[in-house]
Structures are given as C-alpha cells and as structure tokens.
C-alpha cells in the first residue's frame, strides 16, 4: 500500500493529499487550522504533502526532513516554470 501511495503522490500530489486527509488523521495533527492545508493544496501541493509526511514521521527538527520539504518546494517551482514556459512558445 505505501508503494501505491508513493506512485499516486509522484504523479498526482493533490490526489495523494486528499486521500491522506480523508483516510488518516495526519493532516489534522500537523496543521492546527484548515486554512493552511487548503492553501497548500491549491498553490504548493508537493511541499504540503512532503511537510505532512515529514512532520508526522520524522519530526520538525530533522535536517533530512527539511531537505525533503525543500525538494518538494523545488518540484512545485519546476511545475510552475513548466507551465509558464509552455505558454510562451
């Protein structure tokens, strides 16, 4: 089951985040309110998904967790740059 979730997360991070939010209590534990997960879902899906997974498993004081969150942020930036470069052609 974790491998299936990883495949879904790689290709559809918003779907993986919704499934994580519906079927596990991890998102509710990590975020205190509902505003930040919704904003993350809309604007930074990889970063939000990686933040929930890191904060619920490794803790927030782990350098490897923050590196994974940075990789998620770079993936989000990459997806936005791909969208913008396609419109200019």
N, C-alpha and C. Protein backbone atom coordinates (compact mmCIF):
# COMPACT_ATOMS: atom_id res chain seq x y z
N UNK A 1 0.81 -1.21 0.00
CA UNK A 1 0.00 0.00 0.00
C UNK A 1 0.85 1.27 0.00
N UNK A 2 1.95 1.34 0.75
CA UNK A 2 2.77 2.56 0.69
C UNK A 2 3.36 2.81 -0.69
N UNK A 3 3.67 1.76 -1.43
CA UNK A 3 4.21 1.95 -2.78
C UNK A 3 3.15 2.56 -3.70
N UNK A 4 1.92 2.13 -3.56
CA UNK A 4 0.84 2.71 -4.36
C UNK A 4 0.65 4.17 -4.03
N UNK A 5 0.74 4.52 -2.74
CA UNK A 5 0.62 5.92 -2.33
C UNK A 5 1.77 6.75 -2.89
N UNK A 6 2.98 6.20 -2.93
CA UNK A 6 4.12 6.92 -3.48
C UNK A 6 3.95 7.17 -4.97
N UNK A 7 3.41 6.21 -5.68
CA UNK A 7 3.17 6.39 -7.12
C UNK A 7 2.10 7.45 -7.34
N UNK A 8 1.04 7.41 -6.56
CA UNK A 8 -0.01 8.43 -6.69
C UNK A 8 0.56 9.80 -6.34
N UNK A 9 1.38 9.87 -5.28
CA UNK A 9 1.98 11.14 -4.88
C UNK A 9 2.93 11.71 -5.91
N UNK A 10 3.60 10.85 -6.64
CA UNK A 10 4.55 11.32 -7.65
C UNK A 10 3.83 11.91 -8.86
N UNK A 11 2.70 11.34 -9.24
CA UNK A 11 2.01 11.79 -10.43
C UNK A 11 0.85 12.74 -10.16
N UNK A 12 0.25 12.63 -8.99
CA UNK A 12 -0.90 13.47 -8.66
C UNK A 12 -0.82 13.85 -7.17
N UNK A 13 -0.01 14.84 -6.83
CA UNK A 13 0.16 15.17 -5.40
C UNK A 13 -1.12 15.67 -4.75
N UNK A 14 -1.97 16.32 -5.50
CA UNK A 14 -3.23 16.80 -4.92
C UNK A 14 -4.15 15.63 -4.57
N UNK A 15 -4.20 14.64 -5.42
CA UNK A 15 -4.99 13.45 -5.12
C UNK A 15 -4.43 12.72 -3.91
N UNK A 16 -3.12 12.59 -3.84
CA UNK A 16 -2.49 11.93 -2.69
C UNK A 16 -2.76 12.70 -1.40
N UNK A 17 -2.73 14.02 -1.47
CA UNK A 17 -3.01 14.83 -0.29
C UNK A 17 -4.45 14.68 0.17
N UNK A 18 -5.38 14.66 -0.76
CA UNK A 18 -6.79 14.47 -0.41
C UNK A 18 -7.01 13.08 0.21
N UNK A 19 -6.39 12.05 -0.37
CA UNK A 19 -6.52 10.71 0.20
C UNK A 19 -5.91 10.64 1.59
N UNK A 20 -4.79 11.30 1.78
CA UNK A 20 -4.16 11.36 3.10
C UNK A 20 -5.04 12.09 4.09
N UNK A 21 -5.67 13.13 3.66
CA UNK A 21 -6.52 13.94 4.54
C UNK A 21 -7.80 13.18 4.92
N UNK A 22 -8.36 12.44 3.97
CA UNK A 22 -9.62 11.73 4.22
C UNK A 22 -9.40 10.48 5.07
N UNK A 23 -8.38 9.70 4.75
CA UNK A 23 -8.24 8.38 5.36
C UNK A 23 -7.28 8.31 6.55
N UNK A 24 -6.55 9.37 6.85
CA UNK A 24 -5.65 9.36 8.01
C UNK A 24 -5.83 10.64 8.80
N UNK A 25 -5.45 10.63 10.07
CA UNK A 25 -5.53 11.86 10.87
C UNK A 25 -4.25 12.71 10.81
N UNK A 26 -3.35 12.43 9.88
CA UNK A 26 -2.05 13.11 9.85
C UNK A 26 -2.17 14.60 9.56
N UNK A 27 -3.01 14.98 8.63
CA UNK A 27 -3.14 16.40 8.27
C UNK A 27 -3.71 17.19 9.44
N UNK A 28 -4.66 16.63 10.14
CA UNK A 28 -5.24 17.31 11.30
C UNK A 28 -4.23 17.45 12.43
N UNK A 29 -3.35 16.48 12.58
CA UNK A 29 -2.32 16.56 13.62
C UNK A 29 -1.27 17.62 13.30
N UNK A 30 -0.89 17.71 12.05
CA UNK A 30 0.20 18.62 11.66
C UNK A 30 -0.27 20.06 11.63
N UNK A 31 -1.43 20.31 11.03
CA UNK A 31 -1.94 21.68 10.91
C UNK A 31 -3.02 21.91 11.95
N UNK A 32 -2.98 23.05 12.59
CA UNK A 32 -3.97 23.36 13.61
C UNK A 32 -5.30 23.83 13.04
N UNK A 33 -5.24 24.50 11.90
CA UNK A 33 -6.48 25.00 11.31
C UNK A 33 -6.64 24.43 9.91
N UNK A 34 -7.67 24.85 9.23
CA UNK A 34 -7.97 24.29 7.90
C UNK A 34 -7.45 25.18 6.77
N UNK A 35 -7.05 26.41 7.08
CA UNK A 35 -6.66 27.37 6.05
C UNK A 35 -5.33 26.97 5.39
N UNK A 36 -4.33 26.64 6.18
CA UNK A 36 -3.01 26.31 5.62
C UNK A 36 -3.03 25.06 4.74
N UNK A 37 -3.71 23.97 5.13
CA UNK A 37 -3.75 22.83 4.21
C UNK A 37 -4.47 23.13 2.90
N UNK A 38 -5.49 23.95 2.94
CA UNK A 38 -6.20 24.30 1.70
C UNK A 38 -5.32 25.16 0.81
N UNK A 39 -4.63 26.14 1.39
CA UNK A 39 -3.71 26.96 0.59
C UNK A 39 -2.58 26.12 0.02
N UNK A 40 -2.06 25.20 0.82
CA UNK A 40 -1.02 24.31 0.32
C UNK A 40 -1.52 23.40 -0.78
N UNK A 41 -2.74 22.94 -0.65
CA UNK A 41 -3.35 22.11 -1.68
C UNK A 41 -3.47 22.86 -3.00
N UNK A 42 -3.80 24.13 -2.92
CA UNK A 42 -4.01 24.92 -4.13
C UNK A 42 -2.68 25.34 -4.77
N UNK A 43 -1.75 25.88 -3.96
CA UNK A 43 -0.56 26.52 -4.52
C UNK A 43 0.70 25.65 -4.48
N UNK A 44 0.93 24.89 -3.42
CA UNK A 44 2.16 24.11 -3.27
C UNK A 44 1.84 22.67 -2.86
N UNK A 45 1.33 21.86 -3.77
CA UNK A 45 0.89 20.52 -3.36
C UNK A 45 2.03 19.59 -2.95
N UNK A 46 3.15 19.59 -3.66
CA UNK A 46 4.27 18.73 -3.28
C UNK A 46 4.84 19.14 -1.92
N UNK A 47 5.01 20.43 -1.71
CA UNK A 47 5.56 20.92 -0.45
C UNK A 47 4.65 20.57 0.71
N UNK A 48 3.38 20.76 0.55
CA UNK A 48 2.42 20.46 1.61
C UNK A 48 2.38 18.96 1.90
N UNK A 49 2.37 18.16 0.86
CA UNK A 49 2.35 16.70 1.04
C UNK A 49 3.61 16.24 1.76
N UNK A 50 4.78 16.73 1.34
CA UNK A 50 6.03 16.33 1.98
C UNK A 50 6.11 16.85 3.42
N UNK A 51 5.57 18.05 3.67
CA UNK A 51 5.58 18.59 5.02
C UNK A 51 4.74 17.73 5.96
N UNK A 52 3.58 17.30 5.51
CA UNK A 52 2.73 16.45 6.35
C UNK A 52 3.43 15.12 6.64
N UNK A 53 4.03 14.52 5.63
CA UNK A 53 4.70 13.24 5.83
C UNK A 53 5.91 13.37 6.75
N UNK A 54 6.68 14.44 6.58
CA UNK A 54 7.88 14.63 7.40
C UNK A 54 7.51 14.99 8.83
N UNK A 55 6.58 15.91 9.02
CA UNK A 55 6.22 16.35 10.37
C UNK A 55 5.54 15.23 11.16
N UNK A 56 4.85 14.34 10.49
CA UNK A 56 4.17 13.27 11.21
C UNK A 56 5.09 12.09 11.50
N UNK A 57 6.16 11.92 10.72
CA UNK A 57 7.02 10.76 10.93
C UNK A 57 8.38 11.12 11.53
N UNK A 58 9.08 12.07 10.95
CA UNK A 58 10.44 12.39 11.40
C UNK A 58 10.48 13.47 12.47
N UNK A 59 9.52 14.33 12.48
CA UNK A 59 9.55 15.48 13.38
C UNK A 59 10.09 16.69 12.65
N UNK A 60 9.88 17.86 13.20
CA UNK A 60 10.25 19.08 12.51
C UNK A 60 11.69 19.51 12.75
N UNK A 61 12.40 18.86 13.63
CA UNK A 61 13.78 19.25 13.92
C UNK A 61 14.81 18.37 13.23
N UNK A 62 14.43 17.71 12.19
CA UNK A 62 15.33 16.82 11.48
C UNK A 62 15.78 17.49 10.18
N UNK A 63 17.09 17.55 9.95
CA UNK A 63 17.62 18.22 8.75
C UNK A 63 17.23 17.47 7.47
N UNK A 64 17.12 16.16 7.54
CA UNK A 64 16.74 15.39 6.36
C UNK A 64 15.29 15.64 6.00
N UNK A 65 14.48 15.88 6.98
CA UNK A 65 13.09 16.22 6.71
C UNK A 65 12.96 17.56 6.01
N UNK A 66 13.73 18.54 6.49
CA UNK A 66 13.69 19.85 5.84
C UNK A 66 14.26 19.79 4.43
N UNK A 67 15.22 18.90 4.21
CA UNK A 67 15.75 18.72 2.85
C UNK A 67 14.67 18.14 1.93
N UNK A 68 13.89 17.21 2.45
CA UNK A 68 12.80 16.64 1.66
C UNK A 68 11.73 17.70 1.36
N UNK A 69 11.44 18.56 2.32
CA UNK A 69 10.48 19.65 2.10
C UNK A 69 11.02 20.62 1.05
N UNK A 70 12.31 20.90 1.09
CA UNK A 70 12.93 21.76 0.07
C UNK A 70 12.83 21.13 -1.32
N UNK A 71 13.02 19.84 -1.40
CA UNK A 71 12.86 19.14 -2.69
C UNK A 71 11.42 19.26 -3.18
N UNK A 72 10.45 19.15 -2.27
CA UNK A 72 9.04 19.34 -2.65
C UNK A 72 8.79 20.74 -3.16
N UNK A 73 9.40 21.75 -2.51
CA UNK A 73 9.24 23.12 -2.96
C UNK A 73 9.85 23.32 -4.34
N UNK A 74 11.01 22.71 -4.58
CA UNK A 74 11.64 22.82 -5.91
C UNK A 74 10.80 22.12 -6.97
N UNK A 75 10.16 21.01 -6.61
CA UNK A 75 9.26 20.35 -7.56
C UNK A 75 8.06 21.23 -7.90
N UNK A 76 7.54 21.93 -6.90
CA UNK A 76 6.44 22.86 -7.17
C UNK A 76 6.88 24.00 -8.06
N UNK A 77 8.06 24.55 -7.80
CA UNK A 77 8.58 25.63 -8.66
C UNK A 77 8.80 25.12 -10.08
N UNK A 78 9.28 23.89 -10.19
CA UNK A 78 9.51 23.31 -11.51
C UNK A 78 8.20 23.15 -12.27
N UNK A 79 7.16 22.73 -11.58
CA UNK A 79 5.88 22.56 -12.27
C UNK A 79 5.33 23.90 -12.73
N UNK A 80 5.51 24.95 -11.93
CA UNK A 80 5.05 26.28 -12.36
C UNK A 80 5.90 26.81 -13.51
N UNK A 81 7.19 26.53 -13.52
CA UNK A 81 8.03 27.01 -14.62
C UNK A 81 7.72 26.26 -15.90
N UNK A 82 7.37 24.98 -15.80
CA UNK A 82 6.97 24.24 -16.99
C UNK A 82 5.69 24.78 -17.59
N UNK A 83 4.77 25.17 -16.75
CA UNK A 83 3.51 25.74 -17.23
C UNK A 83 3.77 27.07 -17.93
N UNK A 84 4.59 27.91 -17.33
CA UNK A 84 4.86 29.23 -17.91
C UNK A 84 5.67 29.13 -19.20
N UNK A 85 6.61 28.21 -19.27
CA UNK A 85 7.41 28.10 -20.49
C UNK A 85 6.57 27.55 -21.64
N UNK A 86 5.57 26.77 -21.37
CA UNK A 86 4.70 26.24 -22.42
C UNK A 86 3.80 27.32 -23.01
N UNK A 87 3.46 28.31 -22.24
CA UNK A 87 2.59 29.38 -22.74
C UNK A 87 3.35 30.36 -23.62
N UNK A 88 4.64 30.48 -23.42
CA UNK A 88 5.42 31.44 -24.19
C UNK A 88 5.74 30.96 -25.59
N UNK A 89 5.67 29.69 -25.83
CA UNK A 89 6.03 29.16 -27.15
C UNK A 89 4.95 29.36 -28.16
